[in-house]
């Protein structure tokens, strides 16, 4: 029996620098802003942006004045219920293309991790902390993200989004 779900609708993320967040995901993943509310919930200065990231999936990104959570840099598995997320590349060629973009942006050292049936490259704060050359980029405000591709014919696997609930 097929699942009743058709992918991820959105992931909500806090940032302290909305413009930098937008620029990174546009340059690395061709994401597009589909909604920009600079007075979210009627709160002056609170900004919510919806970014289309492929298919029916989106980021709901929030910049909230005075909220310091976007600056908290906690080791993996100590970050609360949403620890990190993984994005699926459309193909191995796309994976390599985006991997190169991430390295060019200084968001990853480009190391590929082999998980058996899938390959992954880490970027964002995770990718930066693992690389001595990129440690100064840790905390850049675009979160912990990994890019995935399958080595063989694509099989639906539940790890496209890593949620620890």
C-alpha atoms as a PDB file:
ATOM      1  CA  UNK A   1       0.000   0.000   0.000  1.00  0.00           C
ATOM      2  CA  UNK A   2       1.314   3.440  -0.932  1.00  0.00           C
ATOM      3  CA  UNK A   3       1.788   6.075   1.742  1.00  0.00           C
ATOM      4  CA  UNK A   4      -0.885   8.721   2.224  1.00  0.00           C
ATOM      5  CA  UNK A   5       1.693  11.505   2.057  1.00  0.00           C
ATOM      6  CA  UNK A   6       3.296  13.104  -0.983  1.00  0.00           C
ATOM      7  CA  UNK A   7       6.503  14.573   0.386  1.00  0.00           C
ATOM      8  CA  UNK A   8       7.224  17.480   2.710  1.00  0.00           C
ATOM      9  CA  UNK A   9       5.084  20.625   2.581  1.00  0.00           C
ATOM     10  CA  UNK A  10       7.382  22.922   4.537  1.00  0.00           C
ATOM     11  CA  UNK A  11      10.124  23.174   7.143  1.00  0.00           C
ATOM     12  CA  UNK A  12      10.018  26.164   9.508  1.00  0.00           C
ATOM     13  CA  UNK A  13      13.385  27.783  10.213  1.00  0.00           C
ATOM     14  CA  UNK A  14      14.526  30.735  12.333  1.00  0.00           C
ATOM     15  CA  UNK A  15      17.241  33.028  10.993  1.00  0.00           C
ATOM     16  CA  UNK A  16      18.855  36.223  12.220  1.00  0.00           C
ATOM     17  CA  UNK A  17      19.623  37.440   8.690  1.00  0.00           C
ATOM     18  CA  UNK A  18      16.774  36.828   6.237  1.00  0.00           C
ATOM     19  CA  UNK A  19      18.491  38.380   3.231  1.00  0.00           C
ATOM     20  CA  UNK A  20      21.593  36.228   3.714  1.00  0.00           C
ATOM     21  CA  UNK A  21      19.424  33.103   4.131  1.00  0.00           C
ATOM     22  CA  UNK A  22      17.502  33.890   0.930  1.00  0.00           C
ATOM     23  CA  UNK A  23      20.669  34.633  -1.035  1.00  0.00           C
ATOM     24  CA  UNK A  24      22.319  31.353   0.054  1.00  0.00           C
ATOM     25  CA  UNK A  25      19.379  29.117  -0.915  1.00  0.00           C
ATOM     26  CA  UNK A  26      18.873  30.976  -4.199  1.00  0.00           C
ATOM     27  CA  UNK A  27      22.551  30.642  -5.137  1.00  0.00           C
ATOM     28  CA  UNK A  28      23.023  27.060  -3.916  1.00  0.00           C
ATOM     29  CA  UNK A  29      19.662  25.444  -4.751  1.00  0.00           C
ATOM     30  CA  UNK A  30      17.764  27.826  -7.098  1.00  0.00           C
ATOM     31  CA  UNK A  31      15.106  28.341  -4.397  1.00  0.00           C
ATOM     32  CA  UNK A  32      12.602  31.124  -5.068  1.00  0.00           C
ATOM     33  CA  UNK A  33      10.770  33.487  -2.740  1.00  0.00           C
ATOM     34  CA  UNK A  34       7.022  33.051  -3.240  1.00  0.00           C
ATOM     35  CA  UNK A  35       5.850  35.117  -0.246  1.00  0.00           C
ATOM     36  CA  UNK A  36       7.516  37.850   1.810  1.00  0.00           C
ATOM     37  CA  UNK A  37       5.608  39.294   4.782  1.00  0.00           C
ATOM     38  CA  UNK A  38       7.604  41.980   6.595  1.00  0.00           C
ATOM     39  CA  UNK A  39       4.904  42.422   9.254  1.00  0.00           C
ATOM     40  CA  UNK A  40       4.161  38.794  10.111  1.00  0.00           C
ATOM     41  CA  UNK A  41       1.334  38.332  12.566  1.00  0.00           C
ATOM     42  CA  UNK A  42       1.007  42.093  12.855  1.00  0.00           C
ATOM     43  CA  UNK A  43       4.341  42.294  14.679  1.00  0.00           C
ATOM     44  CA  UNK A  44       6.558  45.148  13.521  1.00  0.00           C
ATOM     45  CA  UNK A  45       9.909  43.860  12.282  1.00  0.00           C
ATOM     46  CA  UNK A  46       8.874  40.191  12.317  1.00  0.00           C
ATOM     47  CA  UNK A  47       9.407  38.787   8.830  1.00  0.00           C
ATOM     48  CA  UNK A  48       8.178  35.549   7.302  1.00  0.00           C
ATOM     49  CA  UNK A  49       9.347  34.336   3.907  1.00  0.00           C
ATOM     50  CA  UNK A  50       8.138  31.253   2.053  1.00  0.00           C
ATOM     51  CA  UNK A  51      10.759  29.819  -0.290  1.00  0.00           C
ATOM     52  CA  UNK A  52       9.900  27.139  -2.860  1.00  0.00           C
ATOM     53  CA  UNK A  53      12.673  24.522  -2.788  1.00  0.00           C
ATOM     54  CA  UNK A  54      11.364  22.003  -5.337  1.00  0.00           C
ATOM     55  CA  UNK A  55       8.241  19.998  -5.952  1.00  0.00           C
ATOM     56  CA  UNK A  56       5.641  20.952  -3.398  1.00  0.00           C
ATOM     57  CA  UNK A  57       8.200  21.603  -0.642  1.00  0.00           C
ATOM     58  CA  UNK A  58       9.037  24.956   0.898  1.00  0.00           C
ATOM     59  CA  UNK A  59      10.902  26.640   3.721  1.00  0.00           C
ATOM     60  CA  UNK A  60       8.878  28.915   5.992  1.00  0.00           C
ATOM     61  CA  UNK A  61      11.629  31.200   7.264  1.00  0.00           C
ATOM     62  CA  UNK A  62      11.170  33.562  10.201  1.00  0.00           C
ATOM     63  CA  UNK A  63      13.268  36.510  11.330  1.00  0.00           C
ATOM     64  CA  UNK A  64      12.070  37.627  14.765  1.00  0.00           C
ATOM     65  CA  UNK A  65      13.698  40.669  16.408  1.00  0.00           C
ATOM     66  CA  UNK A  66      15.096  39.789  19.823  1.00  0.00           C
ATOM     67  CA  UNK A  67      14.905  36.015  19.290  1.00  0.00           C
ATOM     68  CA  UNK A  68      18.407  34.602  19.729  1.00  0.00           C
ATOM     69  CA  UNK A  69      17.693  30.964  18.805  1.00  0.00           C
ATOM     70  CA  UNK A  70      19.144  31.389  15.300  1.00  0.00           C
ATOM     71  CA  UNK A  71      22.535  32.104  16.931  1.00  0.00           C
ATOM     72  CA  UNK A  72      22.544  28.986  19.109  1.00  0.00           C
ATOM     73  CA  UNK A  73      25.123  26.523  17.786  1.00  0.00           C
ATOM     74  CA  UNK A  74      24.554  23.173  19.482  1.00  0.00           C
ATOM     75  CA  UNK A  75      26.206  19.880  18.494  1.00  0.00           C
ATOM     76  CA  UNK A  76      24.196  17.330  16.525  1.00  0.00           C
ATOM     77  CA  UNK A  77      21.432  15.588  18.501  1.00  0.00           C
ATOM     78  CA  UNK A  78      21.355  18.349  21.105  1.00  0.00           C
ATOM     79  CA  UNK A  79      19.325  20.753  18.962  1.00  0.00           C
ATOM     80  CA  UNK A  80      15.827  19.706  19.954  1.00  0.00           C
ATOM     81  CA  UNK A  81      13.155  17.994  17.899  1.00  0.00           C
ATOM     82  CA  UNK A  82      14.323  19.252  14.485  1.00  0.00           C
ATOM     83  CA  UNK A  83      18.020  18.501  14.325  1.00  0.00           C
ATOM     84  CA  UNK A  84      18.760  18.920  10.618  1.00  0.00           C
ATOM     85  CA  UNK A  85      17.251  18.169   7.232  1.00  0.00           C
ATOM     86  CA  UNK A  86      18.339  16.537   4.006  1.00  0.00           C
ATOM     87  CA  UNK A  87      17.369  17.550   0.490  1.00  0.00           C
ATOM     88  CA  UNK A  88      17.222  15.075  -2.404  1.00  0.00           C
ATOM     89  CA  UNK A  89      18.975  16.027  -5.622  1.00  0.00           C
ATOM     90  CA  UNK A  90      17.066  15.137  -8.811  1.00  0.00           C
ATOM     91  CA  UNK A  91      19.996  13.132 -10.198  1.00  0.00           C
ATOM     92  CA  UNK A  92      23.652  12.322  -9.628  1.00  0.00           C
ATOM     93  CA  UNK A  93      24.560  15.071 -12.116  1.00  0.00           C
ATOM     94  CA  UNK A  94      22.459  17.608 -10.193  1.00  0.00           C
ATOM     95  CA  UNK A  95      24.062  16.415  -6.955  1.00  0.00           C
ATOM     96  CA  UNK A  96      27.543  17.148  -8.371  1.00  0.00           C
ATOM     97  CA  UNK A  97      26.404  20.531  -9.716  1.00  0.00           C
ATOM     98  CA  UNK A  98      24.975  21.644  -6.353  1.00  0.00           C
ATOM     99  CA  UNK A  99      27.995  20.203  -4.498  1.00  0.00           C
ATOM    100  CA  UNK A 100      30.215  22.455  -6.601  1.00  0.00           C
ATOM    101  CA  UNK A 101      27.950  25.445  -5.841  1.00  0.00           C
ATOM    102  CA  UNK A 102      28.168  24.732  -2.097  1.00  0.00           C
ATOM    103  CA  UNK A 103      31.971  24.631  -2.254  1.00  0.00           C
ATOM    104  CA  UNK A 104      32.042  27.846  -4.300  1.00  0.00           C
ATOM    105  CA  UNK A 105      29.813  29.534  -1.685  1.00  0.00           C
ATOM    106  CA  UNK A 106      32.140  28.396   1.092  1.00  0.00           C
ATOM    107  CA  UNK A 107      29.332  26.374   2.689  1.00  0.00           C
ATOM    108  CA  UNK A 108      30.933  22.927   2.307  1.00  0.00           C
ATOM    109  CA  UNK A 109      34.335  21.377   1.833  1.00  0.00           C
ATOM    110  CA  UNK A 110      32.672  19.032  -0.686  1.00  0.00           C
ATOM    111  CA  UNK A 111      33.393  15.789   1.152  1.00  0.00           C
ATOM    112  CA  UNK A 112      31.019  13.058  -0.033  1.00  0.00           C
ATOM    113  CA  UNK A 113      29.813  10.542   2.547  1.00  0.00           C
ATOM    114  CA  UNK A 114      28.829   7.114   1.247  1.00  0.00           C
ATOM    115  CA  UNK A 115      25.757   5.707   3.052  1.00  0.00           C
ATOM    116  CA  UNK A 116      25.568   2.548   0.981  1.00  0.00           C
ATOM    117  CA  UNK A 117      22.647   3.137  -1.390  1.00  0.00           C
ATOM    118  CA  UNK A 118      22.979   6.927  -1.151  1.00  0.00           C
ATOM    119  CA  UNK A 119      25.647   9.627  -1.178  1.00  0.00           C
ATOM    120  CA  UNK A 120      25.525  12.829   0.856  1.00  0.00           C
ATOM    121  CA  UNK A 121      27.444  16.093   1.101  1.00  0.00           C
ATOM    122  CA  UNK A 122      27.026  18.243   4.202  1.00  0.00           C
ATOM    123  CA  UNK A 123      26.749  22.004   4.146  1.00  0.00           C
ATOM    124  CA  UNK A 124      25.730  24.858   6.356  1.00  0.00           C
ATOM    125  CA  UNK A 125      26.979  24.864   9.887  1.00  0.00           C
ATOM    126  CA  UNK A 126      27.681  21.102   9.871  1.00  0.00           C
ATOM    127  CA  UNK A 127      29.766  21.241   6.712  1.00  0.00           C
ATOM    128  CA  UNK A 128      31.665  24.264   7.972  1.00  0.00           C
ATOM    129  CA  UNK A 129      32.474  22.947  11.442  1.00  0.00           C
ATOM    130  CA  UNK A 130      33.946  19.754   9.962  1.00  0.00           C
ATOM    131  CA  UNK A 131      36.373  21.716   7.801  1.00  0.00           C
ATOM    132  CA  UNK A 132      39.188  23.725   9.426  1.00  0.00           C
ATOM    133  CA  UNK A 133      39.211  25.990   6.346  1.00  0.00           C
ATOM    134  CA  UNK A 134      35.495  26.813   6.730  1.00  0.00           C
ATOM    135  CA  UNK A 135      35.087  26.992  10.540  1.00  0.00           C
ATOM    136  CA  UNK A 136      34.726  30.761  10.401  1.00  0.00           C
ATOM    137  CA  UNK A 137      31.502  30.210   8.407  1.00  0.00           C
ATOM    138  CA  UNK A 138      29.832  28.186  11.201  1.00  0.00           C
ATOM    139  CA  UNK A 139      26.743  30.018  12.385  1.00  0.00           C
ATOM    140  CA  UNK A 140      26.226  31.631   8.982  1.00  0.00           C
ATOM    141  CA  UNK A 141      22.463  31.524   9.450  1.00  0.00           C
ATOM    142  CA  UNK A 142      21.366  28.988   6.851  1.00  0.00           C
ATOM    143  CA  UNK A 143      21.114  25.965   9.099  1.00  0.00           C
ATOM    144  CA  UNK A 144      22.265  22.380   8.930  1.00  0.00           C
ATOM    145  CA  UNK A 145      21.506  20.790   5.570  1.00  0.00           C
ATOM    146  CA  UNK A 146      22.741  17.776   3.672  1.00  0.00           C
ATOM    147  CA  UNK A 147      22.256  17.009  -0.010  1.00  0.00           C
ATOM    148  CA  UNK A 148      21.477  13.414  -0.993  1.00  0.00           C
ATOM    149  CA  UNK A 149      21.499  11.342  -4.148  1.00  0.00           C
ATOM    150  CA  UNK A 150      20.978   7.640  -4.721  1.00  0.00           C
ATOM    151  CA  UNK A 151      23.710   5.618  -6.380  1.00  0.00           C
ATOM    152  CA  UNK A 152      21.269   3.448  -8.336  1.00  0.00           C
ATOM    153  CA  UNK A 153      17.703   3.765  -9.612  1.00  0.00           C
ATOM    154  CA  UNK A 154      15.825   6.053  -7.282  1.00  0.00           C
ATOM    155  CA  UNK A 155      13.944   4.294  -4.517  1.00  0.00           C
ATOM    156  CA  UNK A 156      11.668   6.190  -2.140  1.00  0.00           C
ATOM    157  CA  UNK A 157      13.413   6.256   1.211  1.00  0.00           C
ATOM    158  CA  UNK A 158      12.240   7.958   4.385  1.00  0.00           C
ATOM    159  CA  UNK A 159      15.517   9.776   5.065  1.00  0.00           C
ATOM    160  CA  UNK A 160      15.044  12.673   2.621  1.00  0.00           C
ATOM    161  CA  UNK A 161      14.091  14.710   5.687  1.00  0.00           C
ATOM    162  CA  UNK A 162      15.760  13.734   8.937  1.00  0.00           C
ATOM    163  CA  UNK A 163      13.352  14.531  11.753  1.00  0.00           C
ATOM    164  CA  UNK A 164      14.010  13.398  15.275  1.00  0.00           C
ATOM    165  CA  UNK A 165      10.637  13.566  17.030  1.00  0.00           C
END
